[in-house]
Amino acid sequence: GFNRYRPESVTGYAFSQFLIARLMLEQGLTFDFTPQAAITSSEALTPAMRDTIRRAWGCRAWQEYGSVENCGLAT
């Protein structure tokens, strides 16, 4: 999947990205490319999670706040 499509950035839940990155490190797996960034959302990105993603994927991880709950508040 990732190596076939070679995305410029990887987006998703912080913990999900962390688990994938940790699994890759544990099993010695690597991407055939280096993403520009890992963008996380919906939950806190801890320093340990950020470091694991950086070590596994070779890019910085950024936490994004989407504020999707504001849609419900507006209605």
PDB file of N, CA and C in Angstrom:
ATOM      1  N   GLY A   1       0.788  -1.185   0.000  1.00  0.00           N
ATOM      2  CA  GLY A   1       0.000   0.000   0.000  1.00  0.00           C
ATOM      3  C   GLY A   1       0.841   1.265   0.000  1.00  0.00           C
ATOM      4  N   PHE A   2       1.559   1.550   1.080  1.00  0.00           N
ATOM      5  CA  PHE A   2       2.315   2.796   1.171  1.00  0.00           C
ATOM      6  C   PHE A   2       3.384   2.878   0.080  1.00  0.00           C
ATOM      7  N   ASN A   3       4.146   1.810  -0.095  1.00  0.00           N
ATOM      8  CA  ASN A   3       5.221   1.849  -1.084  1.00  0.00           C
ATOM      9  C   ASN A   3       4.678   1.963  -2.501  1.00  0.00           C
ATOM     10  N   ARG A   4       3.499   1.430  -2.735  1.00  0.00           N
ATOM     11  CA  ARG A   4       2.904   1.519  -4.076  1.00  0.00           C
ATOM     12  C   ARG A   4       2.455   2.941  -4.383  1.00  0.00           C
ATOM     13  N   TYR A   5       1.797   3.596  -3.413  1.00  0.00           N
ATOM     14  CA  TYR A   5       1.238   4.923  -3.654  1.00  0.00           C
ATOM     15  C   TYR A   5       2.173   6.066  -3.276  1.00  0.00           C
ATOM     16  N   ARG A   6       3.145   5.806  -2.409  1.00  0.00           N
ATOM     17  CA  ARG A   6       4.154   6.788  -2.024  1.00  0.00           C
ATOM     18  C   ARG A   6       3.551   8.156  -1.661  1.00  0.00           C
ATOM     19  N   PRO A   7       2.695   8.198  -0.644  1.00  0.00           N
ATOM     20  CA  PRO A   7       2.052   9.474  -0.295  1.00  0.00           C
ATOM     21  C   PRO A   7       3.053  10.506   0.216  1.00  0.00           C
ATOM     22  N   GLU A   8       2.776  11.771  -0.085  1.00  0.00           N
ATOM     23  CA  GLU A   8       3.647  12.845   0.404  1.00  0.00           C
ATOM     24  C   GLU A   8       3.497  13.026   1.907  1.00  0.00           C
ATOM     25  N   SER A   9       2.296  12.775   2.415  1.00  0.00           N
ATOM     26  CA  SER A   9       2.070  12.840   3.857  1.00  0.00           C
ATOM     27  C   SER A   9       1.141  11.697   4.253  1.00  0.00           C
ATOM     28  N   VAL A  10       1.240  11.312   5.507  1.00  0.00           N
ATOM     29  CA  VAL A  10       0.405  10.255   6.062  1.00  0.00           C
ATOM     30  C   VAL A  10      -0.481  10.916   7.108  1.00  0.00           C
ATOM     31  N   THR A  11      -1.790  10.724   7.008  1.00  0.00           N
ATOM     32  CA  THR A  11      -2.713  11.325   7.962  1.00  0.00           C
ATOM     33  C   THR A  11      -3.526  10.247   8.670  1.00  0.00           C
ATOM     34  N   GLY A  12      -3.945  10.545   9.887  1.00  0.00           N
ATOM     35  CA  GLY A  12      -4.768   9.601  10.626  1.00  0.00           C
ATOM     36  C   GLY A  12      -4.672   9.820  12.119  1.00  0.00           C
ATOM     37  N   TYR A  13      -5.313   8.934  12.861  1.00  0.00           N
ATOM     38  CA  TYR A  13      -5.266   9.000  14.319  1.00  0.00           C
ATOM     39  C   TYR A  13      -3.829   8.837  14.804  1.00  0.00           C
ATOM     40  N   ALA A  14      -3.483   9.582  15.828  1.00  0.00           N
ATOM     41  CA  ALA A  14      -2.128   9.544  16.375  1.00  0.00           C
ATOM     42  C   ALA A  14      -1.739   8.138  16.822  1.00  0.00           C
ATOM     43  N   PHE A  15      -2.613   7.468  17.567  1.00  0.00           N
ATOM     44  CA  PHE A  15      -2.253   6.159  18.094  1.00  0.00           C
ATOM     45  C   PHE A  15      -2.132   5.126  16.981  1.00  0.00           C
ATOM     46  N   SER A  16      -2.966   5.215  15.966  1.00  0.00           N
ATOM     47  CA  SER A  16      -2.885   4.280  14.838  1.00  0.00           C
ATOM     48  C   SER A  16      -1.561   4.427  14.107  1.00  0.00           C
ATOM     49  N   GLN A  17      -1.152   5.667  13.857  1.00  0.00           N
ATOM     50  CA  GLN A  17       0.129   5.889  13.181  1.00  0.00           C
ATOM     51  C   GLN A  17       1.285   5.402  14.053  1.00  0.00           C
ATOM     52  N   PHE A  18       1.177   5.668  15.342  1.00  0.00           N
ATOM     53  CA  PHE A  18       2.206   5.207  16.271  1.00  0.00           C
ATOM     54  C   PHE A  18       2.331   3.684  16.245  1.00  0.00           C
ATOM     55  N   LEU A  19       1.202   2.975  16.278  1.00  0.00           N
ATOM     56  CA  LEU A  19       1.250   1.507  16.266  1.00  0.00           C
ATOM     57  C   LEU A  19       1.880   0.969  14.982  1.00  0.00           C
ATOM     58  N   ILE A  20       1.541   1.553  13.855  1.00  0.00           N
ATOM     59  CA  ILE A  20       2.140   1.120  12.583  1.00  0.00           C
ATOM     60  C   ILE A  20       3.641   1.374  12.598  1.00  0.00           C
ATOM     61  N   ALA A  21       4.035   2.566  13.054  1.00  0.00           N
ATOM     62  CA  ALA A  21       5.461   2.908  13.108  1.00  0.00           C
ATOM     63  C   ALA A  21       6.213   1.977  14.053  1.00  0.00           C
ATOM     64  N   ARG A  22       5.629   1.703  15.207  1.00  0.00           N
ATOM     65  CA  ARG A  22       6.281   0.814  16.179  1.00  0.00           C
ATOM     66  C   ARG A  22       6.427  -0.596  15.615  1.00  0.00           C
ATOM     67  N   LEU A  23       5.395  -1.090  14.978  1.00  0.00           N
ATOM     68  CA  LEU A  23       5.449  -2.412  14.352  1.00  0.00           C
ATOM     69  C   LEU A  23       6.540  -2.467  13.282  1.00  0.00           C
ATOM     70  N   MET A  24       6.642  -1.410  12.495  1.00  0.00           N
ATOM     71  CA  MET A  24       7.684  -1.366  11.466  1.00  0.00           C
ATOM     72  C   MET A  24       9.075  -1.428  12.092  1.00  0.00           C
ATOM     73  N   LEU A  25       9.286  -0.678  13.175  1.00  0.00           N
ATOM     74  CA  LEU A  25      10.583  -0.709  13.855  1.00  0.00           C
ATOM     75  C   LEU A  25      10.864  -2.091  14.438  1.00  0.00           C
ATOM     76  N   GLU A  26       9.874  -2.692  15.062  1.00  0.00           N
ATOM     77  CA  GLU A  26      10.053  -4.006  15.683  1.00  0.00           C
ATOM     78  C   GLU A  26      10.375  -5.086  14.649  1.00  0.00           C
ATOM     79  N   GLN A  27       9.793  -4.968  13.462  1.00  0.00           N
ATOM     80  CA  GLN A  27       9.981  -5.994  12.438  1.00  0.00           C
ATOM     81  C   GLN A  27      11.013  -5.613  11.376  1.00  0.00           C
ATOM     82  N   GLY A  28      11.665  -4.479  11.549  1.00  0.00           N
ATOM     83  CA  GLY A  28      12.688  -4.053  10.606  1.00  0.00           C
ATOM     84  C   GLY A  28      12.145  -3.669   9.243  1.00  0.00           C
ATOM     85  N   LEU A  29      10.903  -3.205   9.198  1.00  0.00           N
ATOM     86  CA  LEU A  29      10.281  -2.815   7.938  1.00  0.00           C
ATOM     87  C   LEU A  29      10.532  -1.338   7.664  1.00  0.00           C
ATOM     88  N   THR A  30      10.626  -0.972   6.396  1.00  0.00           N
ATOM     89  CA  THR A  30      10.835   0.418   6.015  1.00  0.00           C
ATOM     90  C   THR A  30      10.000   0.761   4.790  1.00  0.00           C
ATOM     91  N   PHE A  31       9.773   2.059   4.606  1.00  0.00           N
ATOM     92  CA  PHE A  31       9.171   2.543   3.376  1.00  0.00           C
ATOM     93  C   PHE A  31      10.260   2.603   2.311  1.00  0.00           C
ATOM     94  N   ASP A  32       9.883   2.528   1.038  1.00  0.00           N
ATOM     95  CA  ASP A  32      10.824   2.721  -0.069  1.00  0.00           C
ATOM     96  C   ASP A  32      10.956   4.197  -0.411  1.00  0.00           C
ATOM     97  N   PHE A  33      10.402   5.060   0.419  1.00  0.00           N
ATOM     98  CA  PHE A  33      10.381   6.499   0.186  1.00  0.00           C
ATOM     99  C   PHE A  33      10.325   7.172   1.555  1.00  0.00           C
ATOM    100  N   THR A  34      10.434   8.481   1.580  1.00  0.00           N
ATOM    101  CA  THR A  34      10.310   9.222   2.835  1.00  0.00           C
ATOM    102  C   THR A  34       9.165  10.209   2.708  1.00  0.00           C
ATOM    103  N   PRO A  35       8.105  10.042   3.505  1.00  0.00           N
ATOM    104  CA  PRO A  35       7.009  11.016   3.453  1.00  0.00           C
ATOM    105  C   PRO A  35       7.503  12.388   3.918  1.00  0.00           C
ATOM    106  N   GLN A  36       6.823  13.437   3.484  1.00  0.00           N
ATOM    107  CA  GLN A  36       7.164  14.787   3.928  1.00  0.00           C
ATOM    108  C   GLN A  36       6.790  14.991   5.396  1.00  0.00           C
ATOM    109  N   ALA A  37       5.664  14.375   5.811  1.00  0.00           N
ATOM    110  CA  ALA A  37       5.181  14.566   7.175  1.00  0.00           C
ATOM    111  C   ALA A  37       4.157  13.504   7.544  1.00  0.00           C
ATOM    112  N   ALA A  38       4.014  13.301   8.844  1.00  0.00           N
ATOM    113  CA  ALA A  38       2.919  12.501   9.394  1.00  0.00           C
ATOM    114  C   ALA A  38       2.012  13.494  10.117  1.00  0.00           C
ATOM    115  N   ILE A  39       0.744  13.533   9.725  1.00  0.00           N
ATOM    116  CA  ILE A  39      -0.196  14.477  10.307  1.00  0.00           C
ATOM    117  C   ILE A  39      -1.221  13.686  11.109  1.00  0.00           C
ATOM    118  N   THR A  40      -1.267  13.952  12.405  1.00  0.00           N
ATOM    119  CA  THR A  40      -2.171  13.207  13.277  1.00  0.00           C
ATOM    120  C   THR A  40      -3.326  14.097  13.711  1.00  0.00           C
ATOM    121  N   SER A  41      -4.417  13.445  14.096  1.00  0.00           N
ATOM    122  CA  SER A  41      -5.577  14.204  14.557  1.00  0.00           C
ATOM    123  C   SER A  41      -6.389  13.366  15.533  1.00  0.00           C
ATOM    124  N   SER A  42      -7.345  14.002  16.155  1.00  0.00           N
ATOM    125  CA  SER A  42      -8.363  13.386  16.995  1.00  0.00           C
ATOM    126  C   SER A  42      -7.897  12.917  18.364  1.00  0.00           C
ATOM    127  N   GLU A  43      -6.632  12.883  18.618  1.00  0.00           N
ATOM    128  CA  GLU A  43      -6.128  12.498  19.938  1.00  0.00           C
ATOM    129  C   GLU A  43      -4.720  13.053  20.117  1.00  0.00           C
ATOM    130  N   ALA A  44      -4.264  13.087  21.356  1.00  0.00           N
ATOM    131  CA  ALA A  44      -2.964  13.673  21.661  1.00  0.00           C
ATOM    132  C   ALA A  44      -1.824  12.873  21.047  1.00  0.00           C
ATOM    133  N   LEU A  45      -0.859  13.585  20.524  1.00  0.00           N
ATOM    134  CA  LEU A  45       0.374  12.999  20.000  1.00  0.00           C
ATOM    135  C   LEU A  45       1.453  13.236  21.054  1.00  0.00           C
ATOM    136  N   THR A  46       1.838  12.206  21.766  1.00  0.00           N
ATOM    137  CA  THR A  46       2.816  12.350  22.840  1.00  0.00           C
ATOM    138  C   THR A  46       4.223  12.455  22.252  1.00  0.00           C
ATOM    139  N   PRO A  47       5.171  12.962  23.030  1.00  0.00           N
ATOM    140  CA  PRO A  47       6.552  13.017  22.548  1.00  0.00           C
ATOM    141  C   PRO A  47       7.092  11.635  22.174  1.00  0.00           C
ATOM    142  N   ALA A  48       6.744  10.601  22.914  1.00  0.00           N
ATOM    143  CA  ALA A  48       7.212   9.246  22.596  1.00  0.00           C
ATOM    144  C   ALA A  48       6.622   8.758  21.272  1.00  0.00           C
ATOM    145  N   MET A  49       5.348   9.054  21.044  1.00  0.00           N
ATOM    146  CA  MET A  49       4.713   8.668  19.785  1.00  0.00           C
ATOM    147  C   MET A  49       5.359   9.411  18.619  1.00  0.00           C
ATOM    148  N   ARG A  50       5.589  10.710  18.804  1.00  0.00           N
ATOM    149  CA  ARG A  50       6.212  11.543  17.766  1.00  0.00           C
ATOM    150  C   ARG A  50       7.600  10.996  17.411  1.00  0.00           C
ATOM    151  N   ASP A  51       8.360  10.606  18.424  1.00  0.00           N
ATOM    152  CA  ASP A  51       9.707  10.089  18.193  1.00  0.00           C
ATOM    153  C   ASP A  51       9.683   8.751  17.462  1.00  0.00           C
ATOM    154  N   THR A  52       8.751   7.886  17.823  1.00  0.00           N
ATOM    155  CA  THR A  52       8.634   6.580  17.163  1.00  0.00           C
ATOM    156  C   THR A  52       8.302   6.753  15.688  1.00  0.00           C
ATOM    157  N   ILE A  53       7.370   7.641  15.374  1.00  0.00           N
ATOM    158  CA  ILE A  53       7.008   7.904  13.983  1.00  0.00           C
ATOM    159  C   ILE A  53       8.207   8.466  13.225  1.00  0.00           C
ATOM    160  N   ARG A  54       8.928   9.394  13.839  1.00  0.00           N
ATOM    161  CA  ARG A  54      10.101   9.988  13.190  1.00  0.00           C
ATOM    162  C   ARG A  54      11.163   8.939  12.893  1.00  0.00           C
ATOM    163  N   ARG A  55      11.421   8.055  13.867  1.00  0.00           N
ATOM    164  CA  ARG A  55      12.447   7.025  13.670  1.00  0.00           C
ATOM    165  C   ARG A  55      12.042   6.015  12.606  1.00  0.00           C
ATOM    166  N   ALA A  56      10.765   5.661  12.562  1.00  0.00           N
ATOM    167  CA  ALA A  56      10.301   4.648  11.607  1.00  0.00           C
ATOM    168  C   ALA A  56      10.162   5.197  10.197  1.00  0.00           C
ATOM    169  N   TRP A  57       9.684   6.430  10.064  1.00  0.00           N
ATOM    170  CA  TRP A  57       9.345   6.956   8.740  1.00  0.00           C
ATOM    171  C   TRP A  57      10.300   8.024   8.236  1.00  0.00           C
ATOM    172  N   GLY A  58      11.179   8.530   9.114  1.00  0.00           N
ATOM    173  CA  GLY A  58      12.154   9.522   8.679  1.00  0.00           C
ATOM    174  C   GLY A  58      11.573  10.902   8.446  1.00  0.00           C
ATOM    175  N   CYS A  59      10.404  11.180   9.028  1.00  0.00           N
ATOM    176  CA  CYS A  59       9.800  12.501   8.861  1.00  0.00           C
ATOM    177  C   CYS A  59       9.239  12.982  10.196  1.00  0.00           C
ATOM    178  N   ARG A  60       8.937  14.248  10.265  1.00  0.00           N
ATOM    179  CA  ARG A  60       8.363  14.817  11.480  1.00  0.00           C
ATOM    180  C   ARG A  60       6.875  14.502  11.548  1.00  0.00           C
ATOM    181  N   ALA A  61       6.370  14.385  12.763  1.00  0.00           N
ATOM    182  CA  ALA A  61       4.947  14.171  12.992  1.00  0.00           C
ATOM    183  C   ALA A  61       4.341  15.452  13.563  1.00  0.00           C
ATOM    184  N   TRP A  62       3.207  15.834  13.032  1.00  0.00           N
ATOM    185  CA  TRP A  62       2.518  17.048  13.443  1.00  0.00           C
ATOM    186  C   TRP A  62       1.135  16.701  13.954  1.00  0.00           C
ATOM    187  N   GLN A  63       0.724  17.347  15.008  1.00  0.00           N
ATOM    188  CA  GLN A  63      -0.623  17.153  15.548  1.00  0.00           C
ATOM    189  C   GLN A  63      -1.528  18.248  15.009  1.00  0.00           C
ATOM    190  N   GLU A  64      -2.667  17.849  14.467  1.00  0.00           N
ATOM    191  CA  GLU A  64      -3.631  18.789  13.911  1.00  0.00           C
ATOM    192  C   GLU A  64      -4.907  18.735  14.743  1.00  0.00           C
ATOM    193  N   TYR A  65      -5.508  19.880  14.959  1.00  0.00           N
ATOM    194  CA  TYR A  65      -6.776  19.920  15.679  1.00  0.00           C
ATOM    195  C   TYR A  65      -7.857  20.281  14.675  1.00  0.00           C
ATOM    196  N   GLY A  66      -8.791  19.365  14.450  1.00  0.00           N
ATOM    197  CA  GLY A  66      -9.798  19.561  13.424  1.00  0.00           C
ATOM    198  C   GLY A  66     -11.050  20.292  13.875  1.00  0.00           C
ATOM    199  N   SER A  67     -11.350  20.305  15.129  1.00  0.00           N
ATOM    200  CA  SER A  67     -12.526  20.942  15.710  1.00  0.00           C
ATOM    201  C   SER A  67     -13.836  20.559  15.011  1.00  0.00           C
ATOM    202  N   VAL A  68     -13.956  19.297  14.647  1.00  0.00           N
ATOM    203  CA  VAL A  68     -15.155  18.828  13.967  1.00  0.00           C
ATOM    204  C   VAL A  68     -16.400  18.969  14.836  1.00  0.00           C
ATOM    205  N   GLU A  69     -16.235  18.991  16.153  1.00  0.00           N
ATOM    206  CA  GLU A  69     -17.388  19.134  17.033  1.00  0.00           C
ATOM    207  C   GLU A  69     -18.085  20.472  16.871  1.00  0.00           C
ATOM    208  N   ASN A  70     -17.407  21.459  16.295  1.00  0.00           N
ATOM    209  CA  ASN A  70     -18.028  22.772  16.089  1.00  0.00           C
ATOM    210  C   ASN A  70     -19.192  22.690  15.117  1.00  0.00           C
ATOM    211  N   CYS A  71     -19.198  21.714  14.220  1.00  0.00           N
ATOM    212  CA  CYS A  71     -20.338  21.530  13.305  1.00  0.00           C
ATOM    213  C   CYS A  71     -21.606  21.261  14.108  1.00  0.00           C
ATOM    214  N   GLY A  72     -21.506  20.407  15.097  1.00  0.00           N
ATOM    215  CA  GLY A  72     -22.651  20.104  15.941  1.00  0.00           C
ATOM    216  C   GLY A  72     -23.081  21.291  16.778  1.00  0.00           C
ATOM    217  N   LEU A  73     -22.132  22.065  17.260  1.00  0.00           N
ATOM    218  CA  LEU A  73     -22.454  23.239  18.075  1.00  0.00           C
ATOM    219  C   LEU A  73     -23.129  24.305  17.237  1.00  0.00           C
ATOM    220  N   ALA A  74     -22.742  24.423  15.980  1.00  0.00           N
ATOM    221  CA  ALA A  74     -23.312  25.460  15.115  1.00  0.00           C
ATOM    222  C   ALA A  74     -24.760  25.181  14.769  1.00  0.00           C
ATOM    223  N   THR A  75     -25.126  23.902  14.699  1.00  0.00           N
ATOM    224  CA  THR A  75     -26.502  23.586  14.342  1.00  0.00           C
ATOM    225  C   THR A  75     -27.393  23.647  15.548  1.00  0.00           C
TER     226      THR A  75
END
